[in-house]
Protein backbone atom coordinates (compact mmCIF):
# COMPACT_ATOMS: atom_id res chain seq x y z
CA UNK A 1 94.80 -82.48 -0.87
CA UNK A 2 92.58 -79.52 0.69
CA UNK A 3 92.26 -80.15 4.34
CA UNK A 4 88.96 -81.14 5.39
CA UNK A 5 86.80 -78.43 7.78
CA UNK A 6 85.05 -81.72 9.51
CA UNK A 7 86.69 -84.70 10.55
CA UNK A 8 83.89 -87.86 11.23
CA UNK A 9 86.09 -90.59 13.41
CA UNK A 10 84.02 -93.97 13.65
CA UNK A 11 85.29 -97.04 15.34
CA UNK A 12 84.24 -100.21 14.36
CA UNK A 13 85.08 -103.89 16.08
CA UNK A 14 83.27 -106.46 14.14
CA UNK A 15 80.89 -104.51 12.61
CA UNK A 16 80.22 -106.06 9.47
CA UNK A 17 76.28 -106.14 9.26
CA UNK A 18 75.96 -102.20 10.48
CA UNK A 19 78.93 -100.52 8.89
CA UNK A 20 77.65 -100.28 5.16
CA UNK A 21 75.08 -98.20 6.42
CA UNK A 22 77.10 -95.46 8.64
CA UNK A 23 79.04 -95.69 5.63
CA UNK A 24 76.71 -95.01 3.02
CA UNK A 25 74.88 -92.29 5.54
CA UNK A 26 78.49 -90.56 4.96
CA UNK A 27 78.98 -90.55 1.17
CA UNK A 28 75.03 -89.46 1.35
CA UNK A 29 75.96 -86.15 3.07
CA UNK A 30 74.73 -83.01 1.00
CA UNK A 31 78.09 -81.34 2.59
CA UNK A 32 81.14 -82.88 1.19
CA UNK A 33 84.11 -81.39 2.62
CA UNK A 34 84.87 -84.02 5.51
CA UNK A 35 87.39 -87.10 6.51
CA UNK A 36 86.55 -89.97 7.94
CA UNK A 37 89.10 -92.04 9.93
CA UNK A 38 88.32 -95.42 10.64
CA UNK A 39 89.90 -97.57 12.87
CA UNK A 40 89.33 -101.00 12.50
CA UNK A 41 89.74 -102.46 16.30
CA UNK A 42 91.26 -106.16 15.43
CA UNK A 43 87.99 -107.38 13.16
CA UNK A 44 88.07 -110.98 11.94
CA UNK A 45 84.54 -110.62 10.35
CA UNK A 46 83.25 -108.89 7.07
CA UNK A 47 84.46 -105.87 8.73
CA UNK A 48 88.04 -106.13 6.56
CA UNK A 49 86.38 -107.09 3.17
CA UNK A 50 84.08 -103.57 3.65
CA UNK A 51 86.90 -101.35 4.46
CA UNK A 52 89.31 -102.81 1.68
CA UNK A 53 86.89 -102.26 -0.40
CA UNK A 54 86.78 -98.42 0.36
CA UNK A 55 87.34 -96.51 -2.93
CA UNK A 56 86.16 -92.82 -1.64
CA UNK A 57 89.38 -91.16 -0.92
CA UNK A 58 88.21 -88.89 2.24
CA UNK A 59 87.77 -92.39 4.32
CA UNK A 60 91.49 -93.16 6.04
CA UNK A 61 91.58 -96.63 7.88
CA UNK A 62 93.41 -97.50 10.29
CA UNK A 63 93.49 -100.98 11.29
CA UNK A 64 94.83 -102.74 14.69
CA UNK A 65 96.56 -105.88 15.23
CA UNK A 66 95.22 -106.23 18.89
CA UNK A 67 92.22 -104.93 20.31
CA UNK A 68 92.07 -101.06 21.44
CA UNK A 69 88.72 -101.25 23.65
CA UNK A 70 86.40 -98.42 22.52
CA UNK A 71 88.57 -95.73 24.56
CA UNK A 72 92.32 -96.51 23.07
CA UNK A 73 90.47 -96.79 19.42
CA UNK A 74 88.84 -93.25 19.42
CA UNK A 75 91.87 -92.11 20.90
CA UNK A 76 94.02 -92.99 18.02
CA UNK A 77 91.27 -92.25 15.19
CA UNK A 78 90.81 -88.78 17.03
CA UNK A 79 94.90 -88.41 16.83
CA UNK A 80 94.67 -88.59 13.50
CA UNK A 81 92.35 -87.13 12.33
CA UNK A 82 93.36 -83.32 10.94
CA UNK A 83 89.96 -81.39 10.41
CA UNK A 84 88.81 -78.54 12.20
CA UNK A 85 85.56 -79.55 13.77
CA UNK A 86 85.21 -83.46 15.01
CA UNK A 87 82.20 -85.54 15.15
CA UNK A 88 81.67 -89.62 15.77
CA UNK A 89 79.52 -91.88 14.03
CA UNK A 90 79.18 -95.10 15.64
CA UNK A 91 79.23 -98.59 13.55
CA UNK A 92 76.23 -99.15 14.07
CA UNK A 93 74.32 -95.81 13.68
CA UNK A 94 73.86 -93.38 10.70
CA UNK A 95 73.59 -89.37 10.00
CA UNK A 96 70.67 -88.10 8.59
CA UNK A 97 71.96 -86.54 5.24
CA UNK A 98 72.08 -82.74 6.26
CA UNK A 99 74.00 -83.67 9.28
CA UNK A 100 76.64 -82.02 8.84
CA UNK A 101 76.19 -78.82 6.46
CA UNK A 102 73.85 -78.03 9.20
CA UNK A 103 76.46 -78.55 11.90
CA UNK A 104 79.13 -76.50 10.20
CA UNK A 105 76.84 -73.96 9.35
CA UNK A 106 75.92 -73.21 13.40
CA UNK A 107 79.88 -73.75 14.31
CA UNK A 108 80.49 -70.84 11.87
CA UNK A 109 77.93 -68.55 12.40
CA UNK A 110 78.33 -68.53 16.41
CA UNK A 111 82.26 -68.64 16.79
CA UNK A 112 81.53 -68.08 20.56
CA UNK A 113 80.34 -71.90 20.84
CA UNK A 114 82.64 -74.84 21.38
CA UNK A 115 80.03 -77.41 20.07
CA UNK A 116 77.05 -77.78 18.69
CA UNK A 117 74.62 -81.21 19.52
CA UNK A 118 72.07 -82.46 17.07
CA UNK A 119 68.94 -84.18 18.23
CA UNK A 120 68.54 -87.71 18.26
CA UNK A 121 66.16 -90.36 16.80
CA UNK A 122 66.22 -94.24 17.84
CA UNK A 123 64.97 -97.06 16.02
CA UNK A 124 65.01 -100.83 16.59
CA UNK A 125 67.77 -103.04 15.16
CA UNK A 126 65.02 -104.05 12.51
CA UNK A 127 65.33 -100.03 12.09
CA UNK A 128 61.77 -99.50 12.85
CA UNK A 129 61.15 -95.92 14.43
CA UNK A 130 60.89 -95.77 18.19
CA UNK A 131 61.17 -91.97 18.49
CA UNK A 132 62.92 -89.15 20.05
CA UNK A 133 64.26 -89.49 24.07
CA UNK A 134 63.30 -86.86 26.07
CA UNK A 135 65.91 -85.54 29.53
CA UNK A 136 67.60 -83.52 27.12
CA UNK A 137 68.57 -80.09 26.87
CA UNK A 138 65.95 -78.32 25.17
CA UNK A 139 67.13 -76.50 21.83
CA UNK A 140 68.89 -73.17 21.97
CA UNK A 141 72.05 -71.59 23.08
CA UNK A 142 73.43 -73.27 26.77
CA UNK A 143 76.13 -72.71 28.87
CA UNK A 144 77.69 -76.12 30.08
CA UNK A 145 78.32 -76.02 34.07
CA UNK A 146 81.32 -76.21 35.03
CA UNK A 147 82.50 -79.34 36.62
CA UNK A 148 78.75 -80.99 35.43
CA UNK A 149 77.88 -84.69 36.91
CA UNK A 150 75.73 -85.20 34.08
CA UNK A 151 75.75 -83.73 30.58
CA UNK A 152 72.18 -83.60 29.29
CA UNK A 153 73.56 -83.80 26.06
CA UNK A 154 73.39 -86.82 23.61
CA UNK A 155 76.58 -87.98 23.10
CA UNK A 156 77.10 -89.34 19.23
CA UNK A 157 75.28 -86.23 17.73
CA UNK A 158 78.26 -83.65 18.79
CA UNK A 159 80.35 -81.77 16.59
CA UNK A 160 83.09 -79.76 18.69
CA UNK A 161 85.49 -77.25 17.54
CA UNK A 162 89.42 -78.52 17.86
CA UNK A 163 90.16 -77.13 20.90
CA UNK A 164 93.86 -76.06 21.31
CA UNK A 165 93.62 -74.83 24.65
CA UNK A 166 92.05 -77.54 26.43
CA UNK A 167 93.03 -81.23 24.70
CA UNK A 168 91.06 -83.92 27.00
CA UNK A 169 91.92 -87.79 25.57
CA UNK A 170 89.61 -90.67 25.88
CA UNK A 171 89.88 -93.20 29.11
CA UNK A 172 90.54 -97.09 28.14
CA UNK A 173 87.34 -97.84 29.32
CA UNK A 174 85.03 -100.90 27.64
CA UNK A 175 81.89 -98.29 28.10
CA UNK A 176 80.83 -94.92 28.45
CA UNK A 177 84.78 -94.04 27.26
CA UNK A 178 82.94 -90.60 25.91
CA UNK A 179 81.34 -89.04 29.17
CA UNK A 180 84.76 -87.64 30.49
CA UNK A 181 85.64 -87.04 27.30
CA UNK A 182 82.62 -84.41 26.77
CA UNK A 183 82.76 -83.76 30.24
CA UNK A 184 86.56 -82.61 29.93
CA UNK A 185 86.32 -81.10 26.78
CA UNK A 186 82.52 -78.89 26.91
CA UNK A 187 82.82 -77.43 30.90
CA UNK A 188 81.90 -74.16 31.36
CA UNK A 189 81.76 -73.79 27.70
CA UNK A 190 78.83 -72.41 25.51
CA UNK A 191 76.95 -75.06 23.45
CA UNK A 192 74.07 -74.99 20.73
CA UNK A 193 71.48 -77.38 20.78
CA UNK A 194 69.71 -78.18 17.61
CA UNK A 195 66.02 -78.74 17.41
CA UNK A 196 66.10 -81.53 14.65
CA UNK A 197 67.32 -84.94 14.71
CA UNK A 198 70.01 -85.37 12.90
CA UNK A 199 71.65 -88.82 14.41
CA UNK A 200 69.89 -92.35 14.04
CA UNK A 201 70.65 -94.50 16.71
CA UNK A 202 70.08 -98.16 17.08
CA UNK A 203 68.57 -99.06 19.78
CA UNK A 204 69.78 -102.60 20.82
CA UNK A 205 67.94 -103.27 24.02
CA UNK A 206 64.51 -103.14 24.50
CA UNK A 207 61.92 -100.24 23.13
CA UNK A 208 60.47 -99.80 26.92
CA UNK A 209 64.37 -98.75 28.53
CA UNK A 210 64.33 -95.77 27.06
CA UNK A 211 62.16 -92.74 27.36
CA UNK A 212 60.93 -91.29 24.63
CA UNK A 213 58.77 -88.38 23.73
CA UNK A 214 58.87 -84.47 22.48
CA UNK A 215 61.53 -82.14 24.08
CA UNK A 216 60.34 -80.58 26.80
């Protein structure tokens, strides 16, 4: 089997209602050379049947009998992945069709960068569009400060180059397990912030809790 260029990490716990859309968005990608490492974190709903029905060999499913939590599940998926480039997909979100193709092109064209960050677009739970969040870095080449207190980039849409010099791990936290991971990974590194949305995030709270508008 040829080594996949891209590893997509997907963790799920009782995501039976939203998981099919996430999986379908991967299979609809215009870029074909990917693997998706899925960690089922002891689900007890339709997730089990959905994952058991997958026939595309690019999906690899690991099932935990006990809850690992988001950080533990992400770490297991990361350690099990083999792609040169890595990105994540939450089980209640989805990729735009050209997401992988666009980000692979950026990473191959700019070997000096550690990661590329796609734009984000919010939808509500019924998939009605909400808009683009503001407050993130504007598009273009950017240098991440050393020891930043906050990364002004959306974590979900990052694709990073597997880094043999710096190997952060996910903390076993119930939430925000990716914040420390990406701060460690990207501190002092160059990244590219893309102009167009590539990642669709399902906003599960209230629309007025997210600041929407144009990039600035």
